[in-house]
Amino acid sequence: MTWDDKGFLLSKNRYSENSLIVEIFTKHHGKISGIVFGGTSKKIKNYLQVGNELFVNYNSKNINKLGYFKIEIQKAYSPLFFDSRQKLFCVSSAMQLVKILTAESQKNLKIYDLLNHFYEIIDSDRWVKNYIFWELELLSNIGFNIELEKLVNKDINNSDDVYKITSSTQVKYVPNFLIDKNNDNPSQKSLLDGLKLVGDFLDKNILKPNNLSHPINRLQFIDALK
């Protein structure tokens, strides 16, 4: 089996002294794992940065065996954010989420387009806020839509709107910007609360039921924002 495609590098791991096993989310073939021979060489490793867009040629003699990639750089996104620790962690977080939440070899153009849109988001003025909505859209595209507007109750506290989700065991407050789309400048605390809310949903509904740990890169991103 041989094909050409383009996609985003999600992860890379050492396979041998000179080679790597990489995962790439491609446009027409979904998430694919394969070997990059010579992937540790100076010629290749500089553009094998997580988050970069690559042109790939994939070859596999047997669909049940790991194939190998020949790769070329399509667009080097990671170097654009070398001066921003927060954004580099955000890139790693986004790619790790796609790696964890998608199935092997399943085409999903919505997620591919979401990866393209990701770089517009973190180049925007309110990039942290926009990234939180990006995570929510990612969850929606894999079948876990959080319909916050239908879940919250609205209270008034000192003339301010307060949104909360009430269950028999707890009350969970929802940052206003997740409900009020006209809230263009949420506080740092509200942004962190928003990331925690999405993270709690991720843990409860996807990760823990599948015996998965919370993505370390997402935790590092949140820590970098504090």
Protein backbone atom coordinates (compact mmCIF):
# COMPACT_ATOMS: atom_id res chain seq x y z
CA MET A 1 0.00 0.00 0.00
CA THR A 2 1.42 3.33 -1.08
CA TRP A 3 -0.07 6.81 -0.95
CA ASP A 4 0.79 10.51 -0.73
CA ASP A 5 -0.89 12.95 1.62
CA LYS A 6 -0.23 15.90 3.90
CA GLY A 7 -0.74 16.19 7.61
CA PHE A 8 0.33 17.46 11.03
CA LEU A 9 2.97 15.78 13.17
CA LEU A 10 1.34 14.68 16.43
CA SER A 11 4.17 12.79 18.10
CA LYS A 12 7.60 11.26 17.60
CA ASN A 13 9.52 8.58 19.49
CA ARG A 14 12.92 7.00 19.07
CA TYR A 15 12.74 3.67 17.19
CA SER A 16 16.41 2.93 16.69
CA GLU A 17 19.66 4.85 16.75
CA ASN A 18 18.81 6.58 13.48
CA SER A 19 15.05 6.25 13.10
CA LEU A 20 11.81 7.49 14.68
CA ILE A 21 8.24 6.28 14.93
CA VAL A 22 5.92 9.20 14.24
CA GLU A 23 2.18 9.78 14.27
CA ILE A 24 0.73 12.13 11.68
CA PHE A 25 -2.87 13.27 11.31
CA THR A 26 -3.34 13.31 7.53
CA LYS A 27 -6.04 14.91 5.44
CA HIS A 28 -7.28 11.83 3.61
CA HIS A 29 -6.17 8.92 5.82
CA GLY A 30 -6.62 10.19 9.37
CA LYS A 31 -4.08 9.38 12.08
CA ILE A 32 -1.28 7.18 10.79
CA SER A 33 1.80 5.78 12.54
CA GLY A 34 4.99 4.95 10.67
CA ILE A 35 8.76 4.81 10.75
CA VAL A 36 10.94 7.65 9.50
CA PHE A 37 14.29 6.12 8.64
CA GLY A 38 17.09 8.57 9.33
CA GLY A 39 14.69 10.69 11.36
CA THR A 40 17.40 11.61 13.86
CA SER A 41 19.71 13.05 11.20
CA LYS A 42 20.40 16.79 11.10
CA LYS A 43 18.76 17.00 7.67
CA ILE A 44 15.39 15.72 8.89
CA LYS A 45 15.10 16.28 12.64
CA ASN A 46 14.99 20.08 12.39
CA TYR A 47 11.58 20.00 10.73
CA LEU A 48 10.27 16.97 12.59
CA GLN A 49 8.86 19.26 15.26
CA VAL A 50 5.47 18.43 16.77
CA GLY A 51 2.80 20.57 15.13
CA ASN A 52 4.58 21.09 11.81
CA GLU A 53 2.70 20.37 8.58
CA LEU A 54 4.35 17.73 6.43
CA PHE A 55 3.98 16.23 2.98
CA VAL A 56 4.24 12.45 3.34
CA ASN A 57 4.70 9.42 1.16
CA TYR A 58 3.59 6.28 3.01
CA ASN A 59 4.56 2.72 2.14
CA SER A 60 3.44 -0.49 3.81
CA LYS A 61 3.80 -4.05 2.53
CA ASN A 62 1.06 -5.32 4.85
CA ILE A 63 -1.84 -3.37 6.36
CA ASN A 64 -1.20 -5.21 9.65
CA LYS A 65 2.42 -4.08 9.85
CA LEU A 66 3.92 -0.70 10.57
CA GLY A 67 4.78 1.14 7.38
CA TYR A 68 7.28 3.89 6.78
CA PHE A 69 7.18 7.53 5.75
CA LYS A 70 9.22 9.62 3.40
CA ILE A 71 8.58 13.21 4.42
CA GLU A 72 9.04 16.77 3.25
CA ILE A 73 8.27 19.94 5.15
CA GLN A 74 5.03 21.62 4.08
CA LYS A 75 4.99 24.41 6.67
CA ALA A 76 7.16 24.83 9.76
CA TYR A 77 4.78 26.24 12.36
CA SER A 78 6.69 25.47 15.56
CA PRO A 79 9.57 27.96 15.00
CA LEU A 80 6.99 30.76 14.83
CA PHE A 81 6.40 30.32 18.56
CA PHE A 82 9.90 29.69 19.87
CA ASP A 83 9.75 33.01 21.72
CA SER A 84 6.50 32.10 23.51
CA ARG A 85 6.67 29.30 26.07
CA GLN A 86 2.91 29.43 26.54
CA LYS A 87 2.14 29.01 22.85
CA LEU A 88 4.68 26.20 22.42
CA PHE A 89 2.97 24.31 25.23
CA CYS A 90 -0.38 25.08 23.60
CA VAL A 91 0.82 23.52 20.32
CA SER A 92 1.98 20.41 22.19
CA SER A 93 -1.30 20.25 24.12
CA ALA A 94 -3.46 20.48 20.98
CA MET A 95 -1.47 17.83 19.11
CA GLN A 96 -1.48 15.46 22.09
CA LEU A 97 -5.25 15.81 22.45
CA VAL A 98 -5.75 14.90 18.78
CA LYS A 99 -3.36 11.96 19.23
CA ILE A 100 -5.29 10.63 22.24
CA LEU A 101 -8.82 11.32 21.04
CA THR A 102 -8.69 10.02 17.46
CA ALA A 103 -8.67 6.46 16.14
CA GLU A 104 -6.02 5.05 13.84
CA SER A 105 -6.63 5.23 10.08
CA GLN A 106 -10.01 6.98 10.26
CA LYS A 107 -10.39 9.93 7.93
CA ASN A 108 -11.91 13.00 9.58
CA LEU A 109 -11.81 16.19 7.53
CA LYS A 110 -13.42 18.19 10.34
CA ILE A 111 -10.52 17.45 12.66
CA TYR A 112 -8.00 18.09 9.90
CA ASP A 113 -9.62 21.47 9.24
CA LEU A 114 -9.63 22.12 12.98
CA LEU A 115 -5.86 21.59 13.04
CA ASN A 116 -5.48 24.09 10.21
CA HIS A 117 -7.65 26.57 12.08
CA PHE A 118 -5.65 26.05 15.28
CA TYR A 119 -2.79 28.19 14.00
CA GLU A 120 -5.13 31.06 13.17
CA ILE A 121 -6.42 30.82 16.74
CA ILE A 122 -3.12 31.05 18.59
CA ASP A 123 -2.09 33.95 16.37
CA SER A 124 -5.20 35.92 17.43
CA ASP A 125 -5.52 38.55 20.16
CA ARG A 126 -7.68 36.46 22.52
CA TRP A 127 -5.89 33.24 21.74
CA VAL A 128 -6.34 31.47 25.09
CA LYS A 129 -10.09 32.08 25.04
CA ASN A 130 -10.28 30.96 21.42
CA TYR A 131 -8.23 27.86 22.20
CA ILE A 132 -10.71 26.79 24.87
CA PHE A 133 -13.50 26.95 22.28
CA TRP A 134 -11.20 25.00 19.94
CA GLU A 135 -10.98 22.21 22.53
CA LEU A 136 -14.77 22.21 22.88
CA GLU A 137 -15.13 21.90 19.10
CA LEU A 138 -12.62 19.05 19.05
CA LEU A 139 -14.66 17.19 21.67
CA SER A 140 -17.84 17.87 19.70
CA ASN A 141 -16.29 16.44 16.53
CA ILE A 142 -15.55 13.13 18.25
CA GLY A 143 -19.08 12.88 19.63
CA PHE A 144 -18.82 14.63 23.02
CA ASN A 145 -20.71 17.88 22.65
CA ILE A 146 -20.89 19.89 25.88
CA GLU A 147 -24.11 21.90 25.57
CA LEU A 148 -23.34 24.30 28.39
CA GLU A 149 -26.20 26.66 27.54
CA LYS A 150 -28.66 23.84 28.22
CA LEU A 151 -26.97 22.75 31.45
CA VAL A 152 -26.48 26.01 33.33
CA ASN A 153 -28.74 27.97 35.64
CA LYS A 154 -28.40 31.73 35.71
CA ASP A 155 -28.24 33.80 38.90
CA ILE A 156 -27.62 37.48 39.54
CA ASN A 157 -24.92 38.43 42.05
CA ASN A 158 -24.23 42.14 42.63
CA SER A 159 -25.66 42.91 39.18
CA ASP A 160 -23.38 40.34 37.55
CA ASP A 161 -24.60 37.23 35.77
CA VAL A 162 -23.47 33.99 37.41
CA TYR A 163 -23.80 30.65 35.62
CA LYS A 164 -23.67 27.34 37.41
CA ILE A 165 -24.40 23.66 36.91
CA THR A 166 -26.14 22.13 39.88
CA SER A 167 -26.29 18.41 40.61
CA SER A 168 -27.30 16.41 43.66
CA THR A 169 -23.69 16.37 44.91
CA GLN A 170 -22.11 19.64 43.81
CA VAL A 171 -22.43 23.08 42.29
CA LYS A 172 -20.01 23.84 39.47
CA TYR A 173 -19.59 27.44 38.33
CA VAL A 174 -19.17 28.11 34.64
CA PRO A 175 -17.07 31.09 33.47
CA ASN A 176 -19.28 33.73 31.89
CA PHE A 177 -17.37 33.88 28.59
CA LEU A 178 -18.36 30.26 27.82
CA ILE A 179 -22.02 31.30 27.84
CA ASP A 180 -21.93 35.00 26.99
CA LYS A 181 -20.19 35.11 23.62
CA ASN A 182 -20.01 38.93 23.84
CA ASN A 183 -17.55 38.66 26.72
CA ASP A 184 -14.41 39.46 24.71
CA ASN A 185 -11.94 39.99 27.55
CA PRO A 186 -12.28 37.34 30.27
CA SER A 187 -9.94 37.50 33.24
CA GLN A 188 -6.99 35.16 33.62
CA LYS A 189 -8.85 33.34 36.40
CA SER A 190 -11.88 32.84 34.15
CA LEU A 191 -9.66 31.40 31.42
CA LEU A 192 -8.03 28.98 33.84
CA ASP A 193 -11.47 28.04 35.18
CA GLY A 194 -12.59 27.40 31.60
CA LEU A 195 -9.65 25.11 30.94
CA LYS A 196 -10.35 23.26 34.19
CA LEU A 197 -14.02 22.83 33.27
CA VAL A 198 -13.12 21.28 29.90
CA GLY A 199 -10.43 19.18 31.58
CA ASP A 200 -12.87 17.85 34.17
CA PHE A 201 -15.30 16.84 31.40
CA LEU A 202 -12.46 15.20 29.48
CA ASP A 203 -11.35 13.22 32.53
CA LYS A 204 -14.83 12.11 33.59
CA ASN A 205 -16.28 11.17 30.21
CA ILE A 206 -13.32 10.04 28.09
CA LEU A 207 -10.02 9.52 29.88
CA LYS A 208 -10.90 7.76 33.14
CA PRO A 209 -13.44 5.38 31.52
CA ASN A 210 -10.62 4.28 29.19
CA ASN A 211 -7.95 4.16 31.93
CA LEU A 212 -6.08 7.10 30.43
CA SER A 213 -4.21 9.82 32.31
CA HIS A 214 -4.73 13.52 31.70
CA PRO A 215 -2.35 14.67 28.91
CA ILE A 216 0.86 15.93 30.51
CA ASN A 217 1.31 18.55 27.79
CA ARG A 218 -2.09 20.05 28.61
CA LEU A 219 -1.13 20.27 32.29
CA GLN A 220 2.14 21.96 31.33
CA PHE A 221 0.23 24.45 29.18
CA ILE A 222 -2.09 25.34 32.06
CA ASP A 223 0.86 25.72 34.44
CA ALA A 224 2.56 28.04 31.95
CA LEU A 225 -0.49 30.33 32.00
CA LYS A 226 -0.44 30.74 35.78
